[in-house]
Amino acid sequence: MEKVVHFPKLPVEFLMRPSSNNIRDVLIKTIPSASKPEIKRILESVYGCEVEKVRTLNMRGKKKMRGGRLIARPDYKKAYVTLKNPSSFSPDMNPIHLVKEEKNK
């Protein structure tokens, strides 16, 4: 299951199984310039999770030759986040409605 959350400068994509009960470790895909404190702040402020630690890994996008041209996917960063307390995430964990409510205020 993939959910994409777009913040002003930090898009986050959760990579999880559909049955997400009592999760302690979360895998997140984001832009390469995202830092550990930014990822932690976003998870704590939007989702209300207490984050214990964040580990990051820079990944290069796949490159393919198509018709003599090199086609490349963009680079990204993986973040392995460990939560202090196991949480369960619902399938509608996309907080876009929260961002829209803030804009309307």
PDB file of N, CA and C in Angstrom:
ATOM      1  N   MET A   1       0.846  -1.158   0.000  1.00  0.00           N
ATOM      2  CA  MET A   1       0.000   0.000   0.000  1.00  0.00           C
ATOM      3  C   MET A   1       0.895   1.226   0.000  1.00  0.00           C
ATOM      4  N   GLU A   2       0.591   2.167  -0.836  1.00  0.00           N
ATOM      5  CA  GLU A   2       1.379   3.379  -0.908  1.00  0.00           C
ATOM      6  C   GLU A   2       0.459   4.572  -0.724  1.00  0.00           C
ATOM      7  N   LYS A   3       0.844   5.480   0.138  1.00  0.00           N
ATOM      8  CA  LYS A   3       0.127   6.730   0.346  1.00  0.00           C
ATOM      9  C   LYS A   3       1.121   7.853   0.145  1.00  0.00           C
ATOM     10  N   VAL A   4       0.752   8.854  -0.623  1.00  0.00           N
ATOM     11  CA  VAL A   4       1.638   9.975  -0.882  1.00  0.00           C
ATOM     12  C   VAL A   4       1.110  11.189  -0.142  1.00  0.00           C
ATOM     13  N   VAL A   5       1.966  11.847   0.601  1.00  0.00           N
ATOM     14  CA  VAL A   5       1.613  13.038   1.353  1.00  0.00           C
ATOM     15  C   VAL A   5       2.514  14.157   0.867  1.00  0.00           C
ATOM     16  N   HIS A   6       1.938  15.240   0.382  1.00  0.00           N
ATOM     17  CA  HIS A   6       2.738  16.349  -0.124  1.00  0.00           C
ATOM     18  C   HIS A   6       2.689  17.504   0.858  1.00  0.00           C
ATOM     19  N   PHE A   7       3.834  17.857   1.382  1.00  0.00           N
ATOM     20  CA  PHE A   7       3.988  19.030   2.210  1.00  0.00           C
ATOM     21  C   PHE A   7       4.639  20.091   1.343  1.00  0.00           C
ATOM     22  N   PRO A   8       4.689  21.341   1.788  1.00  0.00           N
ATOM     23  CA  PRO A   8       5.224  22.384   0.914  1.00  0.00           C
ATOM     24  C   PRO A   8       6.564  22.037   0.273  1.00  0.00           C
ATOM     25  N   LYS A   9       7.499  21.505   1.031  1.00  0.00           N
ATOM     26  CA  LYS A   9       8.800  21.186   0.451  1.00  0.00           C
ATOM     27  C   LYS A   9       9.248  19.766   0.780  1.00  0.00           C
ATOM     28  N   LEU A  10       8.370  18.958   1.348  1.00  0.00           N
ATOM     29  CA  LEU A  10       8.775  17.623   1.774  1.00  0.00           C
ATOM     30  C   LEU A  10       7.698  16.590   1.432  1.00  0.00           C
ATOM     31  N   PRO A  11       7.716  16.044   0.201  1.00  0.00           N
ATOM     32  CA  PRO A  11       6.762  14.972  -0.091  1.00  0.00           C
ATOM     33  C   PRO A  11       7.197  13.675   0.586  1.00  0.00           C
ATOM     34  N   VAL A  12       6.235  12.966   1.164  1.00  0.00           N
ATOM     35  CA  VAL A  12       6.512  11.731   1.895  1.00  0.00           C
ATOM     36  C   VAL A  12       5.610  10.640   1.348  1.00  0.00           C
ATOM     37  N   GLU A  13       6.163   9.450   1.123  1.00  0.00           N
ATOM     38  CA  GLU A  13       5.381   8.312   0.642  1.00  0.00           C
ATOM     39  C   GLU A  13       5.596   7.149   1.600  1.00  0.00           C
ATOM     40  N   PHE A  14       4.498   6.636   2.177  1.00  0.00           N
ATOM     41  CA  PHE A  14       4.587   5.509   3.103  1.00  0.00           C
ATOM     42  C   PHE A  14       4.548   4.218   2.305  1.00  0.00           C
ATOM     43  N   LEU A  15       5.450   3.312   2.597  1.00  0.00           N
ATOM     44  CA  LEU A  15       5.494   2.008   1.944  1.00  0.00           C
ATOM     45  C   LEU A  15       5.202   0.949   3.004  1.00  0.00           C
ATOM     46  N   MET A  16       3.944   0.464   3.041  1.00  0.00           N
ATOM     47  CA  MET A  16       3.541  -0.496   4.076  1.00  0.00           C
ATOM     48  C   MET A  16       2.633  -1.567   3.499  1.00  0.00           C
ATOM     49  N   ARG A  17       2.461  -2.599   4.275  1.00  0.00           N
ATOM     50  CA  ARG A  17       1.514  -3.645   3.923  1.00  0.00           C
ATOM     51  C   ARG A  17       0.092  -3.150   4.182  1.00  0.00           C
ATOM     52  N   PRO A  18      -0.920  -3.698   3.464  1.00  0.00           N
ATOM     53  CA  PRO A  18      -2.301  -3.278   3.705  1.00  0.00           C
ATOM     54  C   PRO A  18      -2.786  -3.570   5.120  1.00  0.00           C
ATOM     55  N   SER A  19      -2.369  -4.699   5.714  1.00  0.00           N
ATOM     56  CA  SER A  19      -2.772  -4.999   7.085  1.00  0.00           C
ATOM     57  C   SER A  19      -1.741  -4.385   8.021  1.00  0.00           C
ATOM     58  N   SER A  20      -2.017  -3.189   8.487  1.00  0.00           N
ATOM     59  CA  SER A  20      -1.038  -2.442   9.276  1.00  0.00           C
ATOM     60  C   SER A  20      -1.522  -2.308  10.715  1.00  0.00           C
ATOM     61  N   ASN A  21      -1.333  -3.347  11.518  1.00  0.00           N
ATOM     62  CA  ASN A  21      -1.733  -3.314  12.927  1.00  0.00           C
ATOM     63  C   ASN A  21      -0.488  -3.408  13.806  1.00  0.00           C
ATOM     64  N   ASN A  22      -0.439  -2.552  14.822  1.00  0.00           N
ATOM     65  CA  ASN A  22       0.662  -2.525  15.786  1.00  0.00           C
ATOM     66  C   ASN A  22       2.023  -2.427  15.091  1.00  0.00           C
ATOM     67  N   ILE A  23       2.186  -1.389  14.338  1.00  0.00           N
ATOM     68  CA  ILE A  23       3.436  -1.168  13.610  1.00  0.00           C
ATOM     69  C   ILE A  23       4.403  -0.398  14.485  1.00  0.00           C
ATOM     70  N   ARG A  24       5.626  -0.860  14.546  1.00  0.00           N
ATOM     71  CA  ARG A  24       6.673  -0.152  15.270  1.00  0.00           C
ATOM     72  C   ARG A  24       7.695   0.459  14.311  1.00  0.00           C
ATOM     73  N   ASP A  25       7.960  -0.206  13.180  1.00  0.00           N
ATOM     74  CA  ASP A  25       8.896   0.301  12.178  1.00  0.00           C
ATOM     75  C   ASP A  25       8.126   0.715  10.931  1.00  0.00           C
ATOM     76  N   VAL A  26       8.427   1.910  10.417  1.00  0.00           N
ATOM     77  CA  VAL A  26       7.749   2.454   9.254  1.00  0.00           C
ATOM     78  C   VAL A  26       8.803   2.777   8.198  1.00  0.00           C
ATOM     79  N   LEU A  27       8.500   2.460   6.938  1.00  0.00           N
ATOM     80  CA  LEU A  27       9.383   2.778   5.825  1.00  0.00           C
ATOM     81  C   LEU A  27       8.778   3.936   5.050  1.00  0.00           C
ATOM     82  N   ILE A  28       9.571   4.984   4.833  1.00  0.00           N
ATOM     83  CA  ILE A  28       9.101   6.186   4.159  1.00  0.00           C
ATOM     84  C   ILE A  28      10.019   6.490   2.997  1.00  0.00           C
ATOM     85  N   LYS A  29       9.431   6.911   1.873  1.00  0.00           N
ATOM     86  CA  LYS A  29      10.193   7.329   0.698  1.00  0.00           C
ATOM     87  C   LYS A  29       9.975   8.824   0.538  1.00  0.00           C
ATOM     88  N   THR A  30      11.055   9.599   0.419  1.00  0.00           N
ATOM     89  CA  THR A  30      10.951  11.051   0.344  1.00  0.00           C
ATOM     90  C   THR A  30      12.026  11.606  -0.581  1.00  0.00           C
ATOM     91  N   ILE A  31      12.132  12.922  -0.660  1.00  0.00           N
ATOM     92  CA  ILE A  31      13.114  13.555  -1.538  1.00  0.00           C
ATOM     93  C   ILE A  31      14.504  13.465  -0.902  1.00  0.00           C
ATOM     94  N   PRO A  32      15.573  13.514  -1.710  1.00  0.00           N
ATOM     95  CA  PRO A  32      16.930  13.353  -1.167  1.00  0.00           C
ATOM     96  C   PRO A  32      17.359  14.452  -0.195  1.00  0.00           C
ATOM     97  N   SER A  33      16.777  15.629  -0.276  1.00  0.00           N
ATOM     98  CA  SER A  33      17.213  16.721   0.596  1.00  0.00           C
ATOM     99  C   SER A  33      16.541  16.709   1.968  1.00  0.00           C
ATOM    100  N   ALA A  34      15.638  15.762   2.215  1.00  0.00           N
ATOM    101  CA  ALA A  34      14.960  15.687   3.514  1.00  0.00           C
ATOM    102  C   ALA A  34      15.939  15.248   4.588  1.00  0.00           C
ATOM    103  N   SER A  35      15.896  15.920   5.730  1.00  0.00           N
ATOM    104  CA  SER A  35      16.795  15.562   6.824  1.00  0.00           C
ATOM    105  C   SER A  35      16.043  14.751   7.876  1.00  0.00           C
ATOM    106  N   LYS A  36      16.806  14.125   8.767  1.00  0.00           N
ATOM    107  CA  LYS A  36      16.202  13.319   9.827  1.00  0.00           C
ATOM    108  C   LYS A  36      15.294  14.153  10.741  1.00  0.00           C
ATOM    109  N   PRO A  37      15.718  15.349  11.182  1.00  0.00           N
ATOM    110  CA  PRO A  37      14.823  16.142  12.032  1.00  0.00           C
ATOM    111  C   PRO A  37      13.532  16.569  11.322  1.00  0.00           C
ATOM    112  N   GLU A  38      13.604  16.857  10.009  1.00  0.00           N
ATOM    113  CA  GLU A  38      12.396  17.215   9.270  1.00  0.00           C
ATOM    114  C   GLU A  38      11.416  16.051   9.212  1.00  0.00           C
ATOM    115  N   ILE A  39      11.925  14.853   8.929  1.00  0.00           N
ATOM    116  CA  ILE A  39      11.065  13.672   8.852  1.00  0.00           C
ATOM    117  C   ILE A  39      10.427  13.402  10.206  1.00  0.00           C
ATOM    118  N   LYS A  40      11.208  13.504  11.266  1.00  0.00           N
ATOM    119  CA  LYS A  40      10.693  13.285  12.617  1.00  0.00           C
ATOM    120  C   LYS A  40       9.620  14.320  12.967  1.00  0.00           C
ATOM    121  N   ARG A  41       9.866  15.585  12.630  1.00  0.00           N
ATOM    122  CA  ARG A  41       8.917  16.660  12.934  1.00  0.00           C
ATOM    123  C   ARG A  41       7.586  16.456  12.200  1.00  0.00           C
ATOM    124  N   ILE A  42       7.652  16.056  10.933  1.00  0.00           N
ATOM    125  CA  ILE A  42       6.441  15.830  10.149  1.00  0.00           C
ATOM    126  C   ILE A  42       5.625  14.690  10.751  1.00  0.00           C
ATOM    127  N   LEU A  43       6.263  13.587  11.083  1.00  0.00           N
ATOM    128  CA  LEU A  43       5.530  12.450  11.646  1.00  0.00           C
ATOM    129  C   LEU A  43       4.913  12.789  13.000  1.00  0.00           C
ATOM    130  N   GLU A  44       5.634  13.532  13.831  1.00  0.00           N
ATOM    131  CA  GLU A  44       5.103  13.874  15.149  1.00  0.00           C
ATOM    132  C   GLU A  44       3.997  14.915  15.066  1.00  0.00           C
ATOM    133  N   SER A  45       4.121  15.896  14.182  1.00  0.00           N
ATOM    134  CA  SER A  45       3.120  16.963  14.136  1.00  0.00           C
ATOM    135  C   SER A  45       1.855  16.542  13.391  1.00  0.00           C
ATOM    136  N   VAL A  46       1.982  15.832  12.272  1.00  0.00           N
ATOM    137  CA  VAL A  46       0.811  15.486  11.472  1.00  0.00           C
ATOM    138  C   VAL A  46       0.133  14.215  11.961  1.00  0.00           C
ATOM    139  N   TYR A  47       0.918  13.170  12.241  1.00  0.00           N
ATOM    140  CA  TYR A  47       0.338  11.887  12.609  1.00  0.00           C
ATOM    141  C   TYR A  47       0.262  11.652  14.107  1.00  0.00           C
ATOM    142  N   GLY A  48       0.929  12.468  14.905  1.00  0.00           N
ATOM    143  CA  GLY A  48       0.872  12.315  16.349  1.00  0.00           C
ATOM    144  C   GLY A  48       1.625  11.103  16.862  1.00  0.00           C
ATOM    145  N   CYS A  49       2.614  10.619  16.134  1.00  0.00           N
ATOM    146  CA  CYS A  49       3.424   9.472  16.555  1.00  0.00           C
ATOM    147  C   CYS A  49       4.637   9.979  17.322  1.00  0.00           C
ATOM    148  N   GLU A  50       5.042   9.243  18.326  1.00  0.00           N
ATOM    149  CA  GLU A  50       6.288   9.561  19.012  1.00  0.00           C
ATOM    150  C   GLU A  50       7.397   8.769  18.334  1.00  0.00           C
ATOM    151  N   VAL A  51       8.363   9.484  17.751  1.00  0.00           N
ATOM    152  CA  VAL A  51       9.433   8.856  16.990  1.00  0.00           C
ATOM    153  C   VAL A  51      10.645   8.640  17.884  1.00  0.00           C
ATOM    154  N   GLU A  52      11.147   7.410  17.880  1.00  0.00           N
ATOM    155  CA  GLU A  52      12.331   7.087  18.672  1.00  0.00           C
ATOM    156  C   GLU A  52      13.600   7.405  17.893  1.00  0.00           C
ATOM    157  N   LYS A  53      13.697   6.888  16.655  1.00  0.00           N
ATOM    158  CA  LYS A  53      14.874   7.195  15.840  1.00  0.00           C
ATOM    159  C   LYS A  53      14.523   7.121  14.361  1.00  0.00           C
ATOM    160  N   VAL A  54      15.342   7.806  13.560  1.00  0.00           N
ATOM    161  CA  VAL A  54      15.183   7.835  12.107  1.00  0.00           C
ATOM    162  C   VAL A  54      16.517   7.458  11.478  1.00  0.00           C
ATOM    163  N   ARG A  55      16.493   6.472  10.598  1.00  0.00           N
ATOM    164  CA  ARG A  55      17.690   6.088   9.840  1.00  0.00           C
ATOM    165  C   ARG A  55      17.390   6.343   8.368  1.00  0.00           C
ATOM    166  N   THR A  56      18.335   6.924   7.643  1.00  0.00           N
ATOM    167  CA  THR A  56      18.087   7.266   6.248  1.00  0.00           C
ATOM    168  C   THR A  56      19.082   6.568   5.335  1.00  0.00           C
ATOM    169  N   LEU A  57      18.664   6.430   4.079  1.00  0.00           N
ATOM    170  CA  LEU A  57      19.472   5.766   3.069  1.00  0.00           C
ATOM    171  C   LEU A  57      19.191   6.447   1.737  1.00  0.00           C
ATOM    172  N   ASN A  58      20.230   6.994   1.077  1.00  0.00           N
ATOM    173  CA  ASN A  58      20.065   7.627  -0.224  1.00  0.00           C
ATOM    174  C   ASN A  58      20.059   6.562  -1.311  1.00  0.00           C
ATOM    175  N   MET A  59      19.068   6.634  -2.205  1.00  0.00           N
ATOM    176  CA  MET A  59      18.906   5.656  -3.275  1.00  0.00           C
ATOM    177  C   MET A  59      18.999   6.360  -4.620  1.00  0.00           C
ATOM    178  N   ARG A  60      19.640   5.707  -5.566  1.00  0.00           N
ATOM    179  CA  ARG A  60      19.709   6.246  -6.925  1.00  0.00           C
ATOM    180  C   ARG A  60      18.555   5.689  -7.744  1.00  0.00           C
ATOM    181  N   GLY A  61      17.996   6.515  -8.613  1.00  0.00           N
ATOM    182  CA  GLY A  61      16.912   6.070  -9.483  1.00  0.00           C
ATOM    183  C   GLY A  61      17.420   5.101 -10.541  1.00  0.00           C
ATOM    184  N   LYS A  62      16.536   4.223 -10.999  1.00  0.00           N
ATOM    185  CA  LYS A  62      16.924   3.249 -12.013  1.00  0.00           C
ATOM    186  C   LYS A  62      17.179   3.952 -13.345  1.00  0.00           C
ATOM    187  N   LYS A  63      18.130   3.431 -14.087  1.00  0.00           N
ATOM    188  CA  LYS A  63      18.465   3.975 -15.401  1.00  0.00           C
ATOM    189  C   LYS A  63      18.279   2.877 -16.447  1.00  0.00           C
ATOM    190  N   LYS A  64      17.637   3.227 -17.577  1.00  0.00           N
ATOM    191  CA  LYS A  64      17.385   2.273 -18.650  1.00  0.00           C
ATOM    192  C   LYS A  64      17.710   2.909 -19.988  1.00  0.00           C
ATOM    193  N   MET A  65      18.088   2.066 -20.935  1.00  0.00           N
ATOM    194  CA  MET A  65      18.286   2.524 -22.306  1.00  0.00           C
ATOM    195  C   MET A  65      17.011   2.211 -23.086  1.00  0.00           C
ATOM    196  N   ARG A  66      16.432   3.208 -23.704  1.00  0.00           N
ATOM    197  CA  ARG A  66      15.242   3.031 -24.531  1.00  0.00           C
ATOM    198  C   ARG A  66      15.490   3.681 -25.881  1.00  0.00           C
ATOM    199  N   GLY A  67      15.600   2.888 -26.902  1.00  0.00           N
ATOM    200  CA  GLY A  67      15.787   3.434 -28.242  1.00  0.00           C
ATOM    201  C   GLY A  67      17.042   4.278 -28.379  1.00  0.00           C
ATOM    202  N   GLY A  68      18.100   3.898 -27.712  1.00  0.00           N
ATOM    203  CA  GLY A  68      19.344   4.646 -27.784  1.00  0.00           C
ATOM    204  C   GLY A  68      19.398   5.844 -26.861  1.00  0.00           C
ATOM    205  N   ARG A  69      18.351   6.056 -26.060  1.00  0.00           N
ATOM    206  CA  ARG A  69      18.313   7.182 -25.114  1.00  0.00           C
ATOM    207  C   ARG A  69      18.336   6.648 -23.692  1.00  0.00           C
ATOM    208  N   LEU A  70      19.013   7.345 -22.826  1.00  0.00           N
ATOM    209  CA  LEU A  70      19.082   6.957 -21.424  1.00  0.00           C
ATOM    210  C   LEU A  70      17.922   7.606 -20.683  1.00  0.00           C
ATOM    211  N   ILE A  71      17.088   6.787 -20.061  1.00  0.00           N
ATOM    212  CA  ILE A  71      15.947   7.273 -19.285  1.00  0.00           C
ATOM    213  C   ILE A  71      16.224   6.943 -17.826  1.00  0.00           C
ATOM    214  N   ALA A  72      16.088   7.939 -16.947  1.00  0.00           N
ATOM    215  CA  ALA A  72      16.416   7.736 -15.534  1.00  0.00           C
ATOM    216  C   ALA A  72      15.254   8.189 -14.658  1.00  0.00           C
ATOM    217  N   ARG A  73      14.961   7.410 -13.639  1.00  0.00           N
ATOM    218  CA  ARG A  73      14.001   7.820 -12.612  1.00  0.00           C
ATOM    219  C   ARG A  73      14.733   8.713 -11.622  1.00  0.00           C
ATOM    220  N   PRO A  74      14.006   9.569 -10.932  1.00  0.00           N
ATOM    221  CA  PRO A  74      14.692  10.469  -9.995  1.00  0.00           C
ATOM    222  C   PRO A  74      15.248   9.730  -8.773  1.00  0.00           C
ATOM    223  N   ASP A  75      16.290  10.308  -8.191  1.00  0.00           N
ATOM    224  CA  ASP A  75      16.850   9.772  -6.952  1.00  0.00           C
ATOM    225  C   ASP A  75      15.868  10.027  -5.815  1.00  0.00           C
ATOM    226  N   TYR A  76      15.962   9.226  -4.758  1.00  0.00           N
ATOM    227  CA  TYR A  76      15.086   9.399  -3.605  1.00  0.00           C
ATOM    228  C   TYR A  76      15.809   8.974  -2.345  1.00  0.00           C
ATOM    229  N   LYS A  77      15.175   9.221  -1.216  1.00  0.00           N
ATOM    230  CA  LYS A  77      15.744   8.845   0.081  1.00  0.00           C
ATOM    231  C   LYS A  77      14.743   7.949   0.801  1.00  0.00           C
ATOM    232  N   LYS A  78      15.250   6.845   1.360  1.00  0.00           N
ATOM    233  CA  LYS A  78      14.430   5.964   2.194  1.00  0.00           C
ATOM    234  C   LYS A  78      14.706   6.321   3.643  1.00  0.00           C
ATOM    235  N   ALA A  79      13.654   6.344   4.441  1.00  0.00           N
ATOM    236  CA  ALA A  79      13.812   6.593   5.869  1.00  0.00           C
ATOM    237  C   ALA A  79      13.152   5.445   6.629  1.00  0.00           C
ATOM    238  N   TYR A  80      13.928   4.795   7.470  1.00  0.00           N
ATOM    239  CA  TYR A  80      13.413   3.754   8.347  1.00  0.00           C
ATOM    240  C   TYR A  80      13.172   4.405   9.700  1.00  0.00           C
ATOM    241  N   VAL A  81      11.909   4.497  10.093  1.00  0.00           N
ATOM    242  CA  VAL A  81      11.527   5.203  11.311  1.00  0.00           C
ATOM    243  C   VAL A  81      11.080   4.191  12.351  1.00  0.00           C
ATOM    244  N   THR A  82      11.626   4.292  13.553  1.00  0.00           N
ATOM    245  CA  THR A  82      11.218   3.446  14.676  1.00  0.00           C
ATOM    246  C   THR A  82      10.381   4.288  15.622  1.00  0.00           C
ATOM    247  N   LEU A  83       9.174   3.815  15.911  1.00  0.00           N
ATOM    248  CA  LEU A  83       8.261   4.525  16.805  1.00  0.00           C
ATOM    249  C   LEU A  83       8.467   4.070  18.241  1.00  0.00           C
ATOM    250  N   LYS A  84       8.226   4.974  19.203  1.00  0.00           N
ATOM    251  CA  LYS A  84       8.369   4.608  20.616  1.00  0.00           C
ATOM    252  C   LYS A  84       7.291   3.633  21.034  1.00  0.00           C
ATOM    253  N   ASN A  85       6.061   3.873  20.598  1.00  0.00           N
ATOM    254  CA  ASN A  85       4.935   2.999  20.934  1.00  0.00           C
ATOM    255  C   ASN A  85       4.374   2.410  19.645  1.00  0.00           C
ATOM    256  N   PRO A  86       4.095   1.104  19.604  1.00  0.00           N
ATOM    257  CA  PRO A  86       3.502   0.528  18.392  1.00  0.00           C
ATOM    258  C   PRO A  86       2.165   1.199  18.086  1.00  0.00           C
ATOM    259  N   SER A  87       1.957   1.536  16.827  1.00  0.00           N
ATOM    260  CA  SER A  87       0.739   2.219  16.400  1.00  0.00           C
ATOM    261  C   SER A  87       0.084   1.425  15.294  1.00  0.00           C
ATOM    262  N   SER A  88      -1.195   1.703  15.080  1.00  0.00           N
ATOM    263  CA  SER A  88      -1.893   1.126  13.938  1.00  0.00           C
ATOM    264  C   SER A  88      -2.327   2.282  13.047  1.00  0.00           C
ATOM    265  N   PHE A  89      -2.025   2.161  11.769  1.00  0.00           N
ATOM    266  CA  PHE A  89      -2.373   3.191  10.808  1.00  0.00           C
ATOM    267  C   PHE A  89      -3.588   2.738  10.023  1.00  0.00           C
ATOM    268  N   SER A  90      -4.543   3.642   9.843  1.00  0.00           N
ATOM    269  CA  SER A  90      -5.721   3.308   9.043  1.00  0.00           C
ATOM    270  C   SER A  90      -5.379   3.483   7.571  1.00  0.00           C
ATOM    271  N   PRO A  91      -6.170   2.875   6.672  1.00  0.00           N
ATOM    272  CA  PRO A  91      -5.898   3.048   5.243  1.00  0.00           C
ATOM    273  C   PRO A  91      -6.041   4.502   4.786  1.00  0.00           C
ATOM    274  N   ASP A  92      -6.845   5.321   5.501  1.00  0.00           N
ATOM    275  CA  ASP A  92      -6.992   6.732   5.096  1.00  0.00           C
ATOM    276  C   ASP A  92      -6.079   7.607   5.934  1.00  0.00           C
ATOM    277  N   MET A  93      -4.808   7.329   5.914  1.00  0.00           N
ATOM    278  CA  MET A  93      -3.891   8.112   6.734  1.00  0.00           C
ATOM    279  C   MET A  93      -3.322   9.314   5.988  1.00  0.00           C
ATOM    280  N   ASN A  94      -3.874   9.622   4.843  1.00  0.00           N
ATOM    281  CA  ASN A  94      -3.400  10.750   4.065  1.00  0.00           C
ATOM    282  C   ASN A  94      -3.942  12.037   4.685  1.00  0.00           C
ATOM    283  N   PRO A  95      -3.098  12.916   5.226  1.00  0.00           N
ATOM    284  CA  PRO A  95      -3.589  14.096   5.940  1.00  0.00           C
ATOM    285  C   PRO A  95      -3.855  15.300   5.039  1.00  0.00           C
ATOM    286  N   ILE A  96      -4.194  15.071   3.778  1.00  0.00           N
ATOM    287  CA  ILE A  96      -4.441  16.188   2.873  1.00  0.00           C
ATOM    288  C   ILE A  96      -5.607  17.031   3.391  1.00  0.00           C
ATOM    289  N   HIS A  97      -6.611  16.401   4.009  1.00  0.00           N
ATOM    290  CA  HIS A  97      -7.732  17.171   4.537  1.00  0.00           C
ATOM    291  C   HIS A  97      -7.279  18.129   5.633  1.00  0.00           C
ATOM    292  N   LEU A  98      -6.240  17.770   6.400  1.00  0.00           N
ATOM    293  CA  LEU A  98      -5.712  18.672   7.425  1.00  0.00           C
ATOM    294  C   LEU A  98      -5.067  19.902   6.795  1.00  0.00           C
ATOM    295  N   VAL A  99      -4.356  19.694   5.689  1.00  0.00           N
ATOM    296  CA  VAL A  99      -3.708  20.807   5.002  1.00  0.00           C
ATOM    297  C   VAL A  99      -4.763  21.729   4.401  1.00  0.00           C
ATOM    298  N   LYS A 100      -5.835  21.151   3.839  1.00  0.00           N
ATOM    299  CA  LYS A 100      -6.907  21.967   3.252  1.00  0.00           C
ATOM    300  C   LYS A 100      -7.625  22.779   4.321  1.00  0.00           C
ATOM    301  N   GLU A 101      -7.834  22.173   5.508  1.00  0.00           N
ATOM    302  CA  GLU A 101      -8.487  22.905   6.601  1.00  0.00           C
ATOM    303  C   GLU A 101      -7.648  24.100   7.044  1.00  0.00           C
ATOM    304  N   GLU A 102      -6.324  23.934   7.092  1.00  0.00           N
ATOM    305  CA  GLU A 102      -5.450  25.045   7.496  1.00  0.00           C
ATOM    306  C   GLU A 102      -5.503  26.169   6.475  1.00  0.00           C
ATOM    307  N   LYS A 103      -5.615  25.843   5.179  1.00  0.00           N
ATOM    308  CA  LYS A 103      -5.689  26.864   4.148  1.00  0.00           C
ATOM    309  C   LYS A 103      -6.992  27.664   4.249  1.00  0.00           C
ATOM    310  N   ASN A 104      -8.090  26.965   4.641  1.00  0.00           N
ATOM    311  CA  ASN A 104      -9.392  27.633   4.734  1.00  0.00           C
ATOM    312  C   ASN A 104      -9.472  28.562   5.934  1.00  0.00           C
ATOM    313  N   LYS A 105      -8.644  28.365   6.949  1.00  0.00           N
ATOM    314  CA  LYS A 105      -8.694  29.206   8.150  1.00  0.00           C
ATOM    315  C   LYS A 105      -8.150  30.576   7.917  1.00  0.00           C
TER     316      LYS A 105
END
